[in-house]
């Protein structure tokens, strides 16, 4: 089920993490669970990632960084930041974070 097909109450529950989550520590990963994808990631520590696979190849941005629309393991996302997206696989290189499913 895609996130845009949830009712208003269900969509609010996704935002509260009630669909499920996974806490990742150095080197751990999470992949799609059934039709659920990673829809948000909150950093408990400064984090770097080795994998952040978009769930749809049709989803692209207009990134202007030197490496396009990809996050590389040289990009550090600071503690306390939450990023939103739709990823089918996430692998944490360093740090501690929680991945919310939706």
C-alpha atoms as a PDB file:
ATOM      1  CA  UNK A   1       0.000   0.000   0.000  1.00  0.00           C
ATOM      2  CA  UNK A   2       1.429   3.359  -0.988  1.00  0.00           C
ATOM      3  CA  UNK A   3       1.493   6.087   1.636  1.00  0.00           C
ATOM      4  CA  UNK A   4      -0.825   8.280  -0.436  1.00  0.00           C
ATOM      5  CA  UNK A   5      -3.626   5.687  -0.147  1.00  0.00           C
ATOM      6  CA  UNK A   6      -3.918   5.902   3.650  1.00  0.00           C
ATOM      7  CA  UNK A   7      -6.947   7.524   5.267  1.00  0.00           C
ATOM      8  CA  UNK A   8      -6.331  10.725   7.240  1.00  0.00           C
ATOM      9  CA  UNK A   9      -6.128   8.793  10.527  1.00  0.00           C
ATOM     10  CA  UNK A  10      -3.853   6.132   9.034  1.00  0.00           C
ATOM     11  CA  UNK A  11      -1.586   8.815   7.561  1.00  0.00           C
ATOM     12  CA  UNK A  12      -1.291  10.450  10.983  1.00  0.00           C
ATOM     13  CA  UNK A  13      -0.371   7.069  12.452  1.00  0.00           C
ATOM     14  CA  UNK A  14       2.419   6.683   9.887  1.00  0.00           C
ATOM     15  CA  UNK A  15       3.834  10.014  11.057  1.00  0.00           C
ATOM     16  CA  UNK A  16       3.797   8.738  14.630  1.00  0.00           C
ATOM     17  CA  UNK A  17       5.679   5.560  13.741  1.00  0.00           C
ATOM     18  CA  UNK A  18       2.722   3.278  14.387  1.00  0.00           C
ATOM     19  CA  UNK A  19       3.340   1.284  11.205  1.00  0.00           C
ATOM     20  CA  UNK A  20       6.685   0.088  12.570  1.00  0.00           C
ATOM     21  CA  UNK A  21      10.291   1.110  12.864  1.00  0.00           C
ATOM     22  CA  UNK A  22      13.828  -0.253  13.008  1.00  0.00           C
ATOM     23  CA  UNK A  23      16.712   1.125  15.054  1.00  0.00           C
ATOM     24  CA  UNK A  24      19.995   0.880  13.140  1.00  0.00           C
ATOM     25  CA  UNK A  25      23.495   0.980  14.640  1.00  0.00           C
ATOM     26  CA  UNK A  26      26.841   1.023  12.770  1.00  0.00           C
ATOM     27  CA  UNK A  27      26.656  -1.210   9.676  1.00  0.00           C
ATOM     28  CA  UNK A  28      23.069  -2.428  10.172  1.00  0.00           C
ATOM     29  CA  UNK A  29      20.398  -2.272   7.481  1.00  0.00           C
ATOM     30  CA  UNK A  30      16.663  -2.500   6.866  1.00  0.00           C
ATOM     31  CA  UNK A  31      14.852  -3.410   3.663  1.00  0.00           C
ATOM     32  CA  UNK A  32      11.222  -3.350   2.564  1.00  0.00           C
ATOM     33  CA  UNK A  33       8.915  -5.403   4.744  1.00  0.00           C
ATOM     34  CA  UNK A  34       6.003  -6.487   2.578  1.00  0.00           C
ATOM     35  CA  UNK A  35       4.609  -3.328   1.026  1.00  0.00           C
ATOM     36  CA  UNK A  36       6.119  -1.126   3.739  1.00  0.00           C
ATOM     37  CA  UNK A  37       9.060   1.138   2.906  1.00  0.00           C
ATOM     38  CA  UNK A  38      11.271   3.416   4.988  1.00  0.00           C
ATOM     39  CA  UNK A  39       9.515   6.799   4.942  1.00  0.00           C
ATOM     40  CA  UNK A  40      11.522   8.764   7.514  1.00  0.00           C
ATOM     41  CA  UNK A  41      14.845   8.489   9.331  1.00  0.00           C
ATOM     42  CA  UNK A  42      15.719  10.316  12.558  1.00  0.00           C
ATOM     43  CA  UNK A  43      19.388  10.589  13.519  1.00  0.00           C
ATOM     44  CA  UNK A  44      20.214   9.848  17.180  1.00  0.00           C
ATOM     45  CA  UNK A  45      23.902  10.482  16.403  1.00  0.00           C
ATOM     46  CA  UNK A  46      25.704  11.995  13.401  1.00  0.00           C
ATOM     47  CA  UNK A  47      25.124   9.398  10.635  1.00  0.00           C
ATOM     48  CA  UNK A  48      26.567   8.316   7.301  1.00  0.00           C
ATOM     49  CA  UNK A  49      24.894   5.803   4.985  1.00  0.00           C
ATOM     50  CA  UNK A  50      26.238   3.310   2.466  1.00  0.00           C
ATOM     51  CA  UNK A  51      22.833   2.526   0.944  1.00  0.00           C
ATOM     52  CA  UNK A  52      19.671   4.573   0.513  1.00  0.00           C
ATOM     53  CA  UNK A  53      17.773   2.908  -2.329  1.00  0.00           C
ATOM     54  CA  UNK A  54      14.817   4.912  -3.614  1.00  0.00           C
ATOM     55  CA  UNK A  55      11.745   2.692  -3.843  1.00  0.00           C
ATOM     56  CA  UNK A  56      10.938   3.955  -7.326  1.00  0.00           C
ATOM     57  CA  UNK A  57      13.434   4.648 -10.074  1.00  0.00           C
ATOM     58  CA  UNK A  58      10.987   7.294 -11.293  1.00  0.00           C
ATOM     59  CA  UNK A  59      11.579   9.395  -8.182  1.00  0.00           C
ATOM     60  CA  UNK A  60      14.319  11.908  -8.887  1.00  0.00           C
ATOM     61  CA  UNK A  61      15.188  15.306  -7.632  1.00  0.00           C
ATOM     62  CA  UNK A  62      17.103  18.236  -8.984  1.00  0.00           C
ATOM     63  CA  UNK A  63      20.060  17.925  -6.658  1.00  0.00           C
ATOM     64  CA  UNK A  64      22.909  20.306  -7.282  1.00  0.00           C
ATOM     65  CA  UNK A  65      25.558  18.573  -5.177  1.00  0.00           C
ATOM     66  CA  UNK A  66      28.688  17.233  -6.850  1.00  0.00           C
ATOM     67  CA  UNK A  67      27.288  13.688  -6.660  1.00  0.00           C
ATOM     68  CA  UNK A  68      23.787  14.401  -8.022  1.00  0.00           C
ATOM     69  CA  UNK A  69      20.760  13.085  -6.145  1.00  0.00           C
ATOM     70  CA  UNK A  70      22.582  10.358  -4.200  1.00  0.00           C
ATOM     71  CA  UNK A  71      23.698  10.426  -0.606  1.00  0.00           C
ATOM     72  CA  UNK A  72      27.179   8.990  -0.295  1.00  0.00           C
ATOM     73  CA  UNK A  73      29.056   7.669   2.728  1.00  0.00           C
ATOM     74  CA  UNK A  74      31.004  10.931   2.812  1.00  0.00           C
ATOM     75  CA  UNK A  75      27.768  12.865   3.555  1.00  0.00           C
ATOM     76  CA  UNK A  76      27.155  13.267   7.286  1.00  0.00           C
ATOM     77  CA  UNK A  77      23.606  13.898   8.449  1.00  0.00           C
ATOM     78  CA  UNK A  78      23.718  15.546  11.880  1.00  0.00           C
ATOM     79  CA  UNK A  79      22.192  14.261  15.091  1.00  0.00           C
ATOM     80  CA  UNK A  80      18.598  15.406  15.584  1.00  0.00           C
ATOM     81  CA  UNK A  81      17.764  15.719  11.887  1.00  0.00           C
ATOM     82  CA  UNK A  82      14.851  13.778  10.387  1.00  0.00           C
ATOM     83  CA  UNK A  83      14.812  13.132   6.650  1.00  0.00           C
ATOM     84  CA  UNK A  84      11.745  12.009   4.721  1.00  0.00           C
ATOM     85  CA  UNK A  85      11.549   9.898   1.586  1.00  0.00           C
ATOM     86  CA  UNK A  86      10.550   6.488   0.292  1.00  0.00           C
ATOM     87  CA  UNK A  87      13.397   3.982   0.397  1.00  0.00           C
ATOM     88  CA  UNK A  88      13.278   0.220  -0.207  1.00  0.00           C
ATOM     89  CA  UNK A  89      16.644  -0.335   1.492  1.00  0.00           C
ATOM     90  CA  UNK A  90      18.759   1.642   3.951  1.00  0.00           C
ATOM     91  CA  UNK A  91      22.207   0.667   5.265  1.00  0.00           C
ATOM     92  CA  UNK A  92      23.807   2.762   7.965  1.00  0.00           C
ATOM     93  CA  UNK A  93      27.595   3.138   7.744  1.00  0.00           C
ATOM     94  CA  UNK A  94      28.178   4.946  11.052  1.00  0.00           C
ATOM     95  CA  UNK A  95      25.996   6.378  13.778  1.00  0.00           C
ATOM     96  CA  UNK A  96      22.640   5.488  15.320  1.00  0.00           C
ATOM     97  CA  UNK A  97      19.220   6.189  13.802  1.00  0.00           C
ATOM     98  CA  UNK A  98      15.624   5.017  13.708  1.00  0.00           C
ATOM     99  CA  UNK A  99      13.897   4.228  10.408  1.00  0.00           C
ATOM    100  CA  UNK A 100      10.113   4.615  10.279  1.00  0.00           C
ATOM    101  CA  UNK A 101       8.101   2.376   7.969  1.00  0.00           C
ATOM    102  CA  UNK A 102       5.049   3.424   6.016  1.00  0.00           C
END
